[in-house]
Amino acid sequence: LKLLKPKIDIVFQSLFSKKNEKITKAFAEAMLDEKVKKITINDDKELFRERPEDKLGILDLELDINDSEKVDVEIQLVDRSNIQERLLFYFSKLYYNEVKKGDDYKKAKRVVMVAILDYDLDLTKEIKNMETIWQLREKNARDLVLTDKVEIAIIELSKVRAEYEKNKKNKKAQWALFIDDPNTKEVEEIMKENEDIEEAIVTVHKMTEDEKMRRLADLREKAIMDEKAIRRKGYEDGKSKGLAEGHTQGREEGREEGREEGRSESQRNIAKKLRNMGMSIKDIEQITELSKEE
């Protein structure tokens, strides 16, 4: 039985949740490289769901750690070419909410964002390490950090396997390989010595045997694959149009037009199939990200 991939949002959100606190705690410890004594898992995912296009490919895990840190894990499956701006926007909302809740600025919790990318980031293409960590530093004195309450970590799944081969005890790499695809020989190796990942595998196995979950996950994966294909086509169409017209504007217009038309048509077709299967409007909204009216 081929296991569902945890990087698909429906699987991810079901796996890392209040009902699986032990697994979520172990995952958080690996991602943060610290001991988690107390954890509060926020299953309310509405903080960042302001626009339908923000949903696809963004998987939230929001945690309060040790009463001192607010942690958000995001998995970006589709390259929208604006990940830096998106992360800053999400981060600013988290930090703003912490300051607003505190009696004064000093009582605001440390905010850490972990972004796991399922594509290569141009910004870090020269860096071989799977993870880069971003902070606020003084320009001419690089060792001088303005505050330890700001941190964004970016993990690229394409670089994880090489990192794991260098050090097979690296728990962060172990979890990243599991999230990417639990069906690999590396994950089979890992679960023999990492009991938390073994438990996560058992949980995903049960989820895979659930017909409704499997159907929803398959449809979400198809929607994401369609989104990637549409963006590739939109890029190529836009590039051709731009070359023909001889300027960048044509390239951008064609790219955006191809993306939006293709995405809308794909999501409508999926919605029709789901409705014919008798699925509820609420579930169809979750799968396609179309509004109830659409």
C-alpha atoms as a PDB file:
ATOM      1  CA  LEU A   1       0.000   0.000   0.000  1.00  0.00           C
ATOM      2  CA  LYS A   2       1.535   3.305  -1.111  1.00  0.00           C
ATOM      3  CA  LEU A   3       1.370   5.767   1.775  1.00  0.00           C
ATOM      4  CA  LEU A   4      -0.063   9.253   1.395  1.00  0.00           C
ATOM      5  CA  LYS A   5       2.551  12.020   1.326  1.00  0.00           C
ATOM      6  CA  PRO A   6       2.496  14.228   4.441  1.00  0.00           C
ATOM      7  CA  LYS A   7       3.426  17.283   2.374  1.00  0.00           C
ATOM      8  CA  ILE A   8      -0.124  17.257   0.970  1.00  0.00           C
ATOM      9  CA  ASP A   9      -2.044  19.692   3.164  1.00  0.00           C
ATOM     10  CA  ILE A  10      -4.973  17.465   4.118  1.00  0.00           C
ATOM     11  CA  VAL A  11      -2.559  14.753   5.269  1.00  0.00           C
ATOM     12  CA  PHE A  12      -0.202  17.191   6.978  1.00  0.00           C
ATOM     13  CA  GLN A  13      -2.908  18.971   8.949  1.00  0.00           C
ATOM     14  CA  SER A  14      -4.467  15.698  10.071  1.00  0.00           C
ATOM     15  CA  LEU A  15      -1.111  14.209  11.104  1.00  0.00           C
ATOM     16  CA  PHE A  16       0.306  17.217  12.963  1.00  0.00           C
ATOM     17  CA  SER A  17      -2.644  18.103  15.176  1.00  0.00           C
ATOM     18  CA  LYS A  18      -3.912  17.948  18.741  1.00  0.00           C
ATOM     19  CA  LYS A  19      -4.915  14.308  18.382  1.00  0.00           C
ATOM     20  CA  ASN A  20      -1.287  13.390  17.571  1.00  0.00           C
ATOM     21  CA  GLU A  21       0.496  15.548  20.133  1.00  0.00           C
ATOM     22  CA  LYS A  22       3.443  13.157  20.675  1.00  0.00           C
ATOM     23  CA  ILE A  23       4.253  13.036  16.959  1.00  0.00           C
ATOM     24  CA  THR A  24       3.837  16.811  16.613  1.00  0.00           C
ATOM     25  CA  LYS A  25       6.091  17.446  19.617  1.00  0.00           C
ATOM     26  CA  ALA A  26       8.849  15.214  18.193  1.00  0.00           C
ATOM     27  CA  PHE A  27       8.570  16.958  14.819  1.00  0.00           C
ATOM     28  CA  ALA A  28       8.787  20.406  16.490  1.00  0.00           C
ATOM     29  CA  GLU A  29      11.881  19.394  18.478  1.00  0.00           C
ATOM     30  CA  ALA A  30      13.604  18.283  15.283  1.00  0.00           C
ATOM     31  CA  MET A  31      12.689  21.439  13.363  1.00  0.00           C
ATOM     32  CA  LEU A  32      13.714  23.794  16.195  1.00  0.00           C
ATOM     33  CA  ASP A  33      16.762  21.868  17.469  1.00  0.00           C
ATOM     34  CA  GLU A  34      15.540  22.320  21.034  1.00  0.00           C
ATOM     35  CA  LYS A  35      13.787  20.436  23.802  1.00  0.00           C
ATOM     36  CA  VAL A  36      10.049  21.004  23.920  1.00  0.00           C
ATOM     37  CA  LYS A  37       8.745  20.723  27.474  1.00  0.00           C
ATOM     38  CA  LYS A  38       5.325  22.213  26.795  1.00  0.00           C
ATOM     39  CA  ILE A  39       3.425  22.461  23.532  1.00  0.00           C
ATOM     40  CA  THR A  40       0.078  23.957  22.546  1.00  0.00           C
ATOM     41  CA  ILE A  41      -1.169  23.073  19.068  1.00  0.00           C
ATOM     42  CA  ASN A  42      -3.447  25.551  17.340  1.00  0.00           C
ATOM     43  CA  ASP A  43      -5.774  23.668  14.998  1.00  0.00           C
ATOM     44  CA  ASP A  44      -7.437  26.911  13.846  1.00  0.00           C
ATOM     45  CA  LYS A  45      -5.904  27.498  10.404  1.00  0.00           C
ATOM     46  CA  GLU A  46      -7.804  30.683   9.551  1.00  0.00           C
ATOM     47  CA  LEU A  47      -5.104  33.237  10.425  1.00  0.00           C
ATOM     48  CA  PHE A  48      -3.607  33.393   6.944  1.00  0.00           C
ATOM     49  CA  ARG A  49      -6.566  32.314   4.822  1.00  0.00           C
ATOM     50  CA  GLU A  50      -7.526  35.751   3.554  1.00  0.00           C
ATOM     51  CA  ARG A  51      -7.488  35.038  -0.180  1.00  0.00           C
ATOM     52  CA  PRO A  52      -8.283  31.758  -1.975  1.00  0.00           C
ATOM     53  CA  GLU A  53      -4.961  31.812  -3.844  1.00  0.00           C
ATOM     54  CA  ASP A  54      -3.106  31.881  -0.522  1.00  0.00           C
ATOM     55  CA  LYS A  55      -4.369  28.410   0.331  1.00  0.00           C
ATOM     56  CA  LEU A  56      -2.882  26.230  -2.391  1.00  0.00           C
ATOM     57  CA  GLY A  57       0.441  24.799  -1.318  1.00  0.00           C
ATOM     58  CA  ILE A  58       0.558  26.496   2.085  1.00  0.00           C
ATOM     59  CA  LEU A  59       0.290  24.089   4.985  1.00  0.00           C
ATOM     60  CA  ASP A  60       0.047  25.562   8.483  1.00  0.00           C
ATOM     61  CA  LEU A  61       1.221  24.144  11.754  1.00  0.00           C
ATOM     62  CA  GLU A  62       0.954  26.784  14.456  1.00  0.00           C
ATOM     63  CA  LEU A  63       2.444  26.045  17.866  1.00  0.00           C
ATOM     64  CA  ASP A  64       3.111  27.676  21.215  1.00  0.00           C
ATOM     65  CA  ILE A  65       6.340  26.230  22.605  1.00  0.00           C
ATOM     66  CA  ASN A  66       7.422  26.327  26.253  1.00  0.00           C
ATOM     67  CA  ASP A  67       5.267  29.448  26.862  1.00  0.00           C
ATOM     68  CA  SER A  68       8.004  31.484  25.189  1.00  0.00           C
ATOM     69  CA  GLU A  69       7.860  30.862  21.431  1.00  0.00           C
ATOM     70  CA  LYS A  70       5.278  31.112  18.682  1.00  0.00           C
ATOM     71  CA  VAL A  71       6.179  28.725  15.849  1.00  0.00           C
ATOM     72  CA  ASP A  72       4.609  28.423  12.424  1.00  0.00           C
ATOM     73  CA  VAL A  73       5.582  25.716   9.934  1.00  0.00           C
ATOM     74  CA  GLU A  74       4.636  26.313   6.301  1.00  0.00           C
ATOM     75  CA  ILE A  75       5.150  23.925   3.390  1.00  0.00           C
ATOM     76  CA  GLN A  76       5.190  25.621   0.004  1.00  0.00           C
ATOM     77  CA  LEU A  77       4.600  23.148  -2.823  1.00  0.00           C
ATOM     78  CA  VAL A  78       4.179  25.603  -5.703  1.00  0.00           C
ATOM     79  CA  ASP A  79       6.808  28.154  -6.708  1.00  0.00           C
ATOM     80  CA  ARG A  80       4.947  31.466  -6.853  1.00  0.00           C
ATOM     81  CA  SER A  81       8.178  33.479  -7.177  1.00  0.00           C
ATOM     82  CA  ASN A  82       7.323  35.567  -4.114  1.00  0.00           C
ATOM     83  CA  ILE A  83       8.092  33.279  -1.192  1.00  0.00           C
ATOM     84  CA  GLN A  84      10.245  35.882   0.590  1.00  0.00           C
ATOM     85  CA  GLU A  85       7.437  38.459   0.572  1.00  0.00           C
ATOM     86  CA  ARG A  86       4.831  35.885   1.600  1.00  0.00           C
ATOM     87  CA  LEU A  87       6.931  34.717   4.548  1.00  0.00           C
ATOM     88  CA  LEU A  88       7.508  38.297   5.707  1.00  0.00           C
ATOM     89  CA  PHE A  89       3.782  38.966   5.503  1.00  0.00           C
ATOM     90  CA  TYR A  90       2.889  35.842   7.485  1.00  0.00           C
ATOM     91  CA  PHE A  91       5.657  36.496   9.983  1.00  0.00           C
ATOM     92  CA  SER A  92       4.557  40.092  10.542  1.00  0.00           C
ATOM     93  CA  LYS A  93       0.987  38.974  11.307  1.00  0.00           C
ATOM     94  CA  LEU A  94       2.205  36.433  13.847  1.00  0.00           C
ATOM     95  CA  TYR A  95       4.520  38.901  15.554  1.00  0.00           C
ATOM     96  CA  TYR A  96       1.931  41.682  15.526  1.00  0.00           C
ATOM     97  CA  ASN A  97      -0.587  39.415  17.242  1.00  0.00           C
ATOM     98  CA  GLU A  98       1.956  38.559  19.935  1.00  0.00           C
ATOM     99  CA  VAL A  99       2.764  42.216  20.630  1.00  0.00           C
ATOM    100  CA  LYS A 100      -0.911  43.112  20.688  1.00  0.00           C
ATOM    101  CA  LYS A 101      -1.608  40.424  23.292  1.00  0.00           C
ATOM    102  CA  GLY A 102       1.305  41.368  25.556  1.00  0.00           C
ATOM    103  CA  ASP A 103       1.311  43.952  28.337  1.00  0.00           C
ATOM    104  CA  ASP A 104       4.351  45.520  26.708  1.00  0.00           C
ATOM    105  CA  TYR A 105       6.708  44.805  23.822  1.00  0.00           C
ATOM    106  CA  LYS A 106       9.203  42.927  25.988  1.00  0.00           C
ATOM    107  CA  LYS A 107       6.602  40.307  26.857  1.00  0.00           C
ATOM    108  CA  ALA A 108       5.988  39.375  23.224  1.00  0.00           C
ATOM    109  CA  LYS A 109       6.989  35.793  22.459  1.00  0.00           C
ATOM    110  CA  ARG A 110       9.831  34.870  20.155  1.00  0.00           C
ATOM    111  CA  VAL A 111       8.393  34.141  16.704  1.00  0.00           C
ATOM    112  CA  VAL A 112       9.953  31.448  14.524  1.00  0.00           C
ATOM    113  CA  MET A 113       8.786  30.565  11.046  1.00  0.00           C
ATOM    114  CA  VAL A 114       9.898  27.356   9.329  1.00  0.00           C
ATOM    115  CA  ALA A 115       9.235  27.213   5.585  1.00  0.00           C
ATOM    116  CA  ILE A 116       9.679  23.860   3.834  1.00  0.00           C
ATOM    117  CA  LEU A 117       9.910  24.278   0.056  1.00  0.00           C
ATOM    118  CA  ASP A 118       9.200  21.591  -2.525  1.00  0.00           C
ATOM    119  CA  TYR A 119      11.186  23.431  -5.206  1.00  0.00           C
ATOM    120  CA  ASP A 120      14.590  25.060  -5.632  1.00  0.00           C
ATOM    121  CA  LEU A 121      14.878  28.625  -4.381  1.00  0.00           C
ATOM    122  CA  ASP A 122      16.890  30.868  -6.716  1.00  0.00           C
ATOM    123  CA  LEU A 123      18.085  32.951  -3.776  1.00  0.00           C
ATOM    124  CA  THR A 124      19.949  29.990  -2.218  1.00  0.00           C
ATOM    125  CA  LYS A 125      20.928  28.029  -5.325  1.00  0.00           C
ATOM    126  CA  GLU A 126      24.644  28.386  -4.501  1.00  0.00           C
ATOM    127  CA  ILE A 127      24.149  27.022  -0.956  1.00  0.00           C
ATOM    128  CA  LYS A 128      24.362  23.246  -0.577  1.00  0.00           C
ATOM    129  CA  ASN A 129      22.957  23.040   2.954  1.00  0.00           C
ATOM    130  CA  MET A 130      19.292  22.043   3.110  1.00  0.00           C
ATOM    131  CA  GLU A 131      18.513  24.831   5.606  1.00  0.00           C
ATOM    132  CA  THR A 132      19.170  28.563   5.702  1.00  0.00           C
ATOM    133  CA  ILE A 133      18.326  30.661   8.780  1.00  0.00           C
ATOM    134  CA  TRP A 134      17.453  34.358   8.463  1.00  0.00           C
ATOM    135  CA  GLN A 135      17.675  36.968  11.218  1.00  0.00           C
ATOM    136  CA  LEU A 136      17.974  40.753  11.648  1.00  0.00           C
ATOM    137  CA  ARG A 137      21.692  41.586  11.690  1.00  0.00           C
ATOM    138  CA  GLU A 138      23.821  44.737  11.629  1.00  0.00           C
ATOM    139  CA  LYS A 139      25.052  45.326   8.089  1.00  0.00           C
ATOM    140  CA  ASN A 140      28.746  45.828   8.867  1.00  0.00           C
ATOM    141  CA  ALA A 141      28.983  43.682  11.998  1.00  0.00           C
ATOM    142  CA  ARG A 142      27.467  40.390  10.878  1.00  0.00           C
ATOM    143  CA  ASP A 143      27.772  38.761  14.306  1.00  0.00           C
ATOM    144  CA  LEU A 144      25.599  41.446  15.884  1.00  0.00           C
ATOM    145  CA  VAL A 145      21.931  40.364  15.968  1.00  0.00           C
ATOM    146  CA  LEU A 146      19.341  43.059  16.697  1.00  0.00           C
ATOM    147  CA  THR A 147      16.982  40.655  18.503  1.00  0.00           C
ATOM    148  CA  ASP A 148      16.592  36.916  19.001  1.00  0.00           C
ATOM    149  CA  LYS A 149      12.786  37.213  18.691  1.00  0.00           C
ATOM    150  CA  VAL A 150      12.889  37.145  14.890  1.00  0.00           C
ATOM    151  CA  GLU A 151      13.860  34.051  12.906  1.00  0.00           C
ATOM    152  CA  ILE A 152      12.854  32.521   9.591  1.00  0.00           C
ATOM    153  CA  ALA A 153      14.242  29.123   8.565  1.00  0.00           C
ATOM    154  CA  ILE A 154      13.922  27.819   5.007  1.00  0.00           C
ATOM    155  CA  ILE A 155      14.363  24.104   4.237  1.00  0.00           C
ATOM    156  CA  GLU A 156      14.588  22.929   0.614  1.00  0.00           C
ATOM    157  CA  LEU A 157      13.414  19.345   0.154  1.00  0.00           C
ATOM    158  CA  SER A 158      15.571  18.910  -2.954  1.00  0.00           C
ATOM    159  CA  LYS A 159      18.691  19.252  -0.768  1.00  0.00           C
ATOM    160  CA  VAL A 160      17.561  17.027   2.110  1.00  0.00           C
ATOM    161  CA  ARG A 161      18.700  13.664   0.762  1.00  0.00           C
ATOM    162  CA  ALA A 162      22.309  14.842   0.366  1.00  0.00           C
ATOM    163  CA  GLU A 163      22.229  16.233   3.916  1.00  0.00           C
ATOM    164  CA  TYR A 164      20.916  12.926   5.247  1.00  0.00           C
ATOM    165  CA  GLU A 165      23.641  10.961   3.467  1.00  0.00           C
ATOM    166  CA  LYS A 166      26.264  13.134   5.174  1.00  0.00           C
ATOM    167  CA  ASN A 167      24.759  12.489   8.604  1.00  0.00           C
ATOM    168  CA  LYS A 168      22.064   9.839   8.940  1.00  0.00           C
ATOM    169  CA  LYS A 169      21.515  10.820  12.602  1.00  0.00           C
ATOM    170  CA  ASN A 170      20.260  14.265  11.555  1.00  0.00           C
ATOM    171  CA  LYS A 171      16.670  14.225  12.844  1.00  0.00           C
ATOM    172  CA  LYS A 172      15.678  17.313  10.897  1.00  0.00           C
ATOM    173  CA  ALA A 173      16.703  15.609   7.655  1.00  0.00           C
ATOM    174  CA  GLN A 174      14.936  12.423   8.763  1.00  0.00           C
ATOM    175  CA  TRP A 175      11.636  14.240   9.290  1.00  0.00           C
ATOM    176  CA  ALA A 176      12.014  16.204   6.053  1.00  0.00           C
ATOM    177  CA  LEU A 177      12.505  12.975   4.075  1.00  0.00           C
ATOM    178  CA  PHE A 178       9.417  11.507   5.734  1.00  0.00           C
ATOM    179  CA  ILE A 179       7.335  14.597   4.882  1.00  0.00           C
ATOM    180  CA  ASP A 180       8.527  14.561   1.283  1.00  0.00           C
ATOM    181  CA  ASP A 181       7.715  10.887   0.680  1.00  0.00           C
ATOM    182  CA  PRO A 182       7.372   8.152   3.339  1.00  0.00           C
ATOM    183  CA  ASN A 183       7.578   5.422   0.683  1.00  0.00           C
ATOM    184  CA  THR A 184      11.350   5.658   0.095  1.00  0.00           C
ATOM    185  CA  LYS A 185      14.053   3.229   1.210  1.00  0.00           C
ATOM    186  CA  GLU A 186      15.652   6.017   3.281  1.00  0.00           C
ATOM    187  CA  VAL A 187      12.490   6.422   5.366  1.00  0.00           C
ATOM    188  CA  GLU A 188      12.319   2.656   5.781  1.00  0.00           C
ATOM    189  CA  GLU A 189      15.840   2.889   7.212  1.00  0.00           C
ATOM    190  CA  ILE A 190      14.972   5.842   9.427  1.00  0.00           C
ATOM    191  CA  MET A 191      11.925   4.286  11.073  1.00  0.00           C
ATOM    192  CA  LYS A 192      14.065   1.430  12.408  1.00  0.00           C
ATOM    193  CA  GLU A 193      15.891   3.838  14.732  1.00  0.00           C
ATOM    194  CA  ASN A 194      13.513   6.794  15.067  1.00  0.00           C
ATOM    195  CA  GLU A 195      10.469   5.565  16.992  1.00  0.00           C
ATOM    196  CA  ASP A 196       8.624   8.869  16.561  1.00  0.00           C
ATOM    197  CA  ILE A 197       8.816   8.615  12.780  1.00  0.00           C
ATOM    198  CA  GLU A 198       7.836   4.958  13.066  1.00  0.00           C
ATOM    199  CA  GLU A 199       4.715   6.079  14.959  1.00  0.00           C
ATOM    200  CA  ALA A 200       4.076   8.738  12.326  1.00  0.00           C
ATOM    201  CA  ILE A 201       4.333   6.059   9.604  1.00  0.00           C
ATOM    202  CA  VAL A 202       1.759   3.917  11.427  1.00  0.00           C
ATOM    203  CA  THR A 203      -0.564   6.923  11.671  1.00  0.00           C
ATOM    204  CA  VAL A 204      -0.180   7.781   7.978  1.00  0.00           C
ATOM    205  CA  HIS A 205      -0.796   4.114   7.137  1.00  0.00           C
ATOM    206  CA  LYS A 206      -4.161   4.295   8.938  1.00  0.00           C
ATOM    207  CA  MET A 207      -4.960   7.531   7.115  1.00  0.00           C
ATOM    208  CA  THR A 208      -4.087   5.888   3.796  1.00  0.00           C
ATOM    209  CA  GLU A 209      -6.513   3.056   4.522  1.00  0.00           C
ATOM    210  CA  ASP A 210      -9.304   5.588   5.072  1.00  0.00           C
ATOM    211  CA  GLU A 211     -11.084   5.779   1.710  1.00  0.00           C
ATOM    212  CA  LYS A 212     -12.339   9.337   2.148  1.00  0.00           C
ATOM    213  CA  MET A 213      -8.949  10.650   3.268  1.00  0.00           C
ATOM    214  CA  ARG A 214      -7.202   8.884   0.396  1.00  0.00           C
ATOM    215  CA  ARG A 215      -9.677  10.294  -2.115  1.00  0.00           C
ATOM    216  CA  LEU A 216      -9.342  13.836  -0.752  1.00  0.00           C
ATOM    217  CA  ALA A 217      -5.538  13.618  -0.662  1.00  0.00           C
ATOM    218  CA  ASP A 218      -5.398  12.289  -4.233  1.00  0.00           C
ATOM    219  CA  LEU A 219      -7.578  15.149  -5.444  1.00  0.00           C
ATOM    220  CA  ARG A 220      -5.494  17.743  -3.576  1.00  0.00           C
ATOM    221  CA  GLU A 221      -2.322  16.313  -5.067  1.00  0.00           C
ATOM    222  CA  LYS A 222      -3.881  16.479  -8.526  1.00  0.00           C
ATOM    223  CA  ALA A 223      -4.907  20.107  -7.933  1.00  0.00           C
ATOM    224  CA  ILE A 224      -1.336  20.972  -6.909  1.00  0.00           C
ATOM    225  CA  MET A 225       0.131  19.147  -9.914  1.00  0.00           C
ATOM    226  CA  ASP A 226      -2.307  21.017 -12.164  1.00  0.00           C
ATOM    227  CA  GLU A 227      -1.232  24.294 -10.567  1.00  0.00           C
ATOM    228  CA  LYS A 228       2.421  23.497 -11.295  1.00  0.00           C
ATOM    229  CA  ALA A 229       1.644  22.507 -14.886  1.00  0.00           C
ATOM    230  CA  ILE A 230      -0.430  25.652 -15.427  1.00  0.00           C
ATOM    231  CA  ARG A 231       2.358  27.837 -14.117  1.00  0.00           C
ATOM    232  CA  ARG A 232       4.887  26.133 -16.400  1.00  0.00           C
ATOM    233  CA  LYS A 233       2.587  26.585 -19.384  1.00  0.00           C
ATOM    234  CA  GLY A 234       1.782  30.156 -18.410  1.00  0.00           C
ATOM    235  CA  TYR A 235       5.495  30.882 -18.157  1.00  0.00           C
ATOM    236  CA  GLU A 236       6.256  29.362 -21.561  1.00  0.00           C
ATOM    237  CA  ASP A 237       3.277  31.081 -23.228  1.00  0.00           C
ATOM    238  CA  GLY A 238       4.236  34.345 -21.621  1.00  0.00           C
ATOM    239  CA  LYS A 239       7.843  33.936 -22.645  1.00  0.00           C
ATOM    240  CA  SER A 240       6.849  33.297 -26.265  1.00  0.00           C
ATOM    241  CA  LYS A 241       4.498  36.278 -26.256  1.00  0.00           C
ATOM    242  CA  GLY A 242       7.156  38.459 -24.672  1.00  0.00           C
ATOM    243  CA  LEU A 243       9.739  37.427 -27.259  1.00  0.00           C
ATOM    244  CA  ALA A 244       7.316  38.091 -30.082  1.00  0.00           C
ATOM    245  CA  GLU A 245       6.472  41.549 -28.752  1.00  0.00           C
ATOM    246  CA  GLY A 246      10.037  42.245 -27.783  1.00  0.00           C
ATOM    247  CA  HIS A 247       9.495  43.451 -24.219  1.00  0.00           C
ATOM    248  CA  THR A 248       9.004  42.158 -20.664  1.00  0.00           C
ATOM    249  CA  GLN A 249       5.432  43.345 -20.254  1.00  0.00           C
ATOM    250  CA  GLY A 250       4.159  40.898 -22.846  1.00  0.00           C
ATOM    251  CA  ARG A 251       5.972  38.087 -21.088  1.00  0.00           C
ATOM    252  CA  GLU A 252       4.414  38.965 -17.728  1.00  0.00           C
ATOM    253  CA  GLU A 253       0.916  39.479 -19.140  1.00  0.00           C
ATOM    254  CA  GLY A 254       0.994  36.186 -21.012  1.00  0.00           C
ATOM    255  CA  ARG A 255       2.354  34.329 -18.010  1.00  0.00           C
ATOM    256  CA  GLU A 256      -0.350  35.658 -15.691  1.00  0.00           C
ATOM    257  CA  GLU A 257      -3.116  35.134 -18.220  1.00  0.00           C
ATOM    258  CA  GLY A 258      -2.061  31.526 -18.782  1.00  0.00           C
ATOM    259  CA  ARG A 259      -1.889  30.846 -15.044  1.00  0.00           C
ATOM    260  CA  GLU A 260      -5.291  32.274 -14.159  1.00  0.00           C
ATOM    261  CA  GLU A 261      -7.253  30.842 -17.082  1.00  0.00           C
ATOM    262  CA  GLY A 262      -5.738  27.392 -16.657  1.00  0.00           C
ATOM    263  CA  ARG A 263      -6.131  27.328 -12.891  1.00  0.00           C
ATOM    264  CA  SER A 264      -9.789  28.412 -12.989  1.00  0.00           C
ATOM    265  CA  GLU A 265     -10.702  25.835 -15.610  1.00  0.00           C
ATOM    266  CA  SER A 266      -8.892  23.056 -13.751  1.00  0.00           C
ATOM    267  CA  GLN A 267     -10.577  23.849 -10.433  1.00  0.00           C
ATOM    268  CA  ARG A 268     -14.026  24.058 -12.042  1.00  0.00           C
ATOM    269  CA  ASN A 269     -13.585  20.643 -13.652  1.00  0.00           C
ATOM    270  CA  ILE A 270     -12.532  19.112 -10.341  1.00  0.00           C
ATOM    271  CA  ALA A 271     -15.524  20.736  -8.588  1.00  0.00           C
ATOM    272  CA  LYS A 272     -17.925  19.239 -11.133  1.00  0.00           C
ATOM    273  CA  LYS A 273     -16.490  15.758 -10.624  1.00  0.00           C
ATOM    274  CA  LEU A 274     -16.713  16.057  -6.837  1.00  0.00           C
ATOM    275  CA  ARG A 275     -20.313  17.300  -7.000  1.00  0.00           C
ATOM    276  CA  ASN A 276     -21.238  14.356  -9.228  1.00  0.00           C
ATOM    277  CA  MET A 277     -19.681  12.064  -6.611  1.00  0.00           C
ATOM    278  CA  GLY A 278     -22.075  13.530  -4.039  1.00  0.00           C
ATOM    279  CA  MET A 279     -19.411  15.344  -2.001  1.00  0.00           C
ATOM    280  CA  SER A 280     -20.544  18.223   0.220  1.00  0.00           C
ATOM    281  CA  ILE A 281     -20.033  21.847  -0.794  1.00  0.00           C
ATOM    282  CA  LYS A 282     -17.788  22.360   2.255  1.00  0.00           C
ATOM    283  CA  ASP A 283     -15.439  19.536   1.219  1.00  0.00           C
ATOM    284  CA  ILE A 284     -15.404  20.791  -2.384  1.00  0.00           C
ATOM    285  CA  GLU A 285     -14.408  24.263  -1.176  1.00  0.00           C
ATOM    286  CA  GLN A 286     -11.504  22.723   0.753  1.00  0.00           C
ATOM    287  CA  ILE A 287     -10.275  20.707  -2.213  1.00  0.00           C
ATOM    288  CA  THR A 288     -10.643  23.280  -4.985  1.00  0.00           C
ATOM    289  CA  GLU A 289     -10.359  26.543  -3.019  1.00  0.00           C
ATOM    290  CA  LEU A 290     -13.272  27.896  -4.987  1.00  0.00           C
ATOM    291  CA  SER A 291     -15.758  30.001  -3.008  1.00  0.00           C
ATOM    292  CA  LYS A 292     -19.176  28.604  -2.106  1.00  0.00           C
ATOM    293  CA  GLU A 293     -20.730  30.855  -4.745  1.00  0.00           C
ATOM    294  CA  GLU A 294     -18.312  29.646  -7.439  1.00  0.00           C
END
